[in-house]
Protein backbone atom coordinates (compact mmCIF):
# COMPACT_ATOMS: atom_id res chain seq x y z
CA UNK A 1 27.23 9.88 -28.62
CA UNK A 2 29.29 11.91 -25.88
CA UNK A 3 31.06 9.86 -23.26
CA UNK A 4 28.73 11.62 -20.60
CA UNK A 5 25.71 10.39 -22.26
CA UNK A 6 27.09 6.99 -22.72
CA UNK A 7 27.95 6.68 -19.05
CA UNK A 8 24.39 8.13 -17.90
CA UNK A 9 22.62 5.59 -20.49
CA UNK A 10 24.74 2.43 -18.78
CA UNK A 11 24.04 3.84 -15.12
CA UNK A 12 20.33 4.32 -15.81
CA UNK A 13 20.07 0.84 -17.45
CA UNK A 14 21.98 -0.75 -14.67
CA UNK A 15 20.00 0.65 -12.18
CA UNK A 16 16.53 -0.41 -13.95
CA UNK A 17 18.01 -3.78 -13.97
CA UNK A 18 19.03 -3.80 -10.25
CA UNK A 19 15.46 -2.91 -9.28
CA UNK A 20 14.06 -5.45 -11.43
CA UNK A 21 16.47 -8.11 -9.83
CA UNK A 22 15.50 -6.73 -6.35
CA UNK A 23 11.87 -6.77 -6.80
CA UNK A 24 11.88 -10.41 -8.47
CA UNK A 25 13.90 -11.83 -5.06
CA UNK A 26 11.30 -10.44 -2.82
CA UNK A 27 8.36 -11.59 -5.07
CA UNK A 28 9.99 -15.03 -4.90
CA UNK A 29 10.20 -15.12 -1.24
CA UNK A 30 6.38 -14.43 -1.17
CA UNK A 31 5.24 -17.61 -3.11
CA UNK A 32 4.98 -19.48 -0.07
CA UNK A 33 2.51 -17.24 1.84
CA UNK A 34 -0.79 -18.49 2.99
CA UNK A 35 -4.02 -17.33 1.90
CA UNK A 36 -5.45 -14.16 2.99
CA UNK A 37 -8.34 -14.06 5.20
CA UNK A 38 -11.10 -11.32 4.67
CA UNK A 39 -12.70 -9.54 7.51
CA UNK A 40 -15.52 -6.90 7.41
CA UNK A 41 -14.45 -3.43 6.34
CA UNK A 42 -14.66 -0.73 8.71
CA UNK A 43 -17.97 1.12 8.90
CA UNK A 44 -18.01 5.09 9.01
CA UNK A 45 -18.49 6.44 12.30
CA UNK A 46 -19.54 10.18 12.30
CA UNK A 47 -17.64 12.47 14.59
CA UNK A 48 -14.35 10.77 14.79
CA UNK A 49 -11.59 12.71 16.28
CA UNK A 50 -9.03 13.89 13.77
CA UNK A 51 -10.74 12.06 10.83
CA UNK A 52 -12.21 14.03 7.83
CA UNK A 53 -16.00 13.47 7.31
CA UNK A 54 -16.58 10.05 5.75
CA UNK A 55 -13.55 8.66 7.15
CA UNK A 56 -14.12 5.06 8.41
CA UNK A 57 -13.67 4.31 12.03
CA UNK A 58 -10.82 1.73 13.09
CA UNK A 59 -11.45 0.21 16.44
CA UNK A 60 -7.88 -0.28 18.12
CA UNK A 61 -6.70 -3.89 18.50
CA UNK A 62 -9.25 -5.07 15.94
CA UNK A 63 -7.83 -6.41 12.65
CA UNK A 64 -9.11 -4.94 9.31
CA UNK A 65 -9.24 -5.78 5.76
CA UNK A 66 -10.41 -4.11 2.79
CA UNK A 67 -10.86 -5.65 -0.78
CA UNK A 68 -9.95 -3.04 -3.39
CA UNK A 69 -12.66 -2.41 -5.82
CA UNK A 70 -12.33 -0.66 -9.13
CA UNK A 71 -11.30 3.08 -9.13
CA UNK A 72 -9.65 2.83 -5.57
CA UNK A 73 -6.11 3.39 -4.90
CA UNK A 74 -3.79 3.29 -1.57
CA UNK A 75 -4.45 7.14 -1.31
CA UNK A 76 -8.09 7.19 -1.27
CA UNK A 77 -7.99 4.22 1.07
CA UNK A 78 -5.66 6.21 3.22
CA UNK A 79 -8.23 9.09 3.31
CA UNK A 80 -11.27 6.67 3.90
CA UNK A 81 -9.52 4.82 6.88
CA UNK A 82 -7.20 7.63 8.47
CA UNK A 83 -8.75 10.95 7.03
CA UNK A 84 -5.13 11.65 5.77
CA UNK A 85 -3.76 11.01 2.27
CA UNK A 86 -0.28 11.19 3.69
CA UNK A 87 -0.64 7.78 5.35
CA UNK A 88 -0.39 6.41 1.76
CA UNK A 89 3.36 4.70 2.57
CA UNK A 90 2.00 3.47 6.05
CA UNK A 91 -0.69 1.29 4.20
CA UNK A 92 1.73 0.24 1.63
CA UNK A 93 4.39 -0.99 4.23
CA UNK A 94 1.67 -2.90 6.02
CA UNK A 95 0.64 -4.58 2.53
CA UNK A 96 3.87 -4.85 1.08
CA UNK A 97 3.53 -8.83 0.78
CA UNK A 98 0.60 -8.24 -1.06
CA UNK A 99 0.94 -5.65 -3.46
CA UNK A 100 4.34 -4.46 -5.64
CA UNK A 101 4.20 -0.56 -5.86
CA UNK A 102 1.82 2.03 -4.08
CA UNK A 103 0.49 2.93 -7.41
CA UNK A 104 -0.22 -0.43 -8.53
CA UNK A 105 -3.02 -2.16 -6.29
CA UNK A 106 -4.97 -4.86 -8.47
CA UNK A 107 -8.79 -5.13 -8.40
CA UNK A 108 -9.65 -7.49 -5.65
CA UNK A 109 -6.58 -7.47 -3.36
CA UNK A 110 -7.38 -7.89 0.05
CA UNK A 111 -5.41 -5.34 1.78
CA UNK A 112 -4.59 -5.26 5.67
CA UNK A 113 -5.86 -1.94 7.25
CA UNK A 114 -3.58 -1.71 10.45
CA UNK A 115 -4.49 0.75 13.54
CA UNK A 116 -3.51 4.35 12.80
CA UNK A 117 -0.11 5.22 13.32
CA UNK A 118 1.33 5.96 16.73
CA UNK A 119 0.62 9.61 17.50
CA UNK A 120 -2.36 10.38 15.36
């Protein structure tokens, strides 16, 4: 095996191990968190400014949550609650203590649905 390929393999494996250790440490800190309280999901409100048709309304200052059902992803929830699939990272940051990655949201997970980001 050429030295460049060997070096690339070593660097790649090292990065994978480093990421795994970081996630394991972060997960270990979550073990002491308390139970998650569910609140009613947002109800759709027609004509919400800046939202796509069918987007659910969020009343500022009112806590919201959503229990993930089969077939849902952070992207579908971003569209539902904010009318913008680009808000996936906003939802992920708000729920980092409940999910490991934006593309892995287990069915039954209760997610926080914060107010829309400032400037929306």
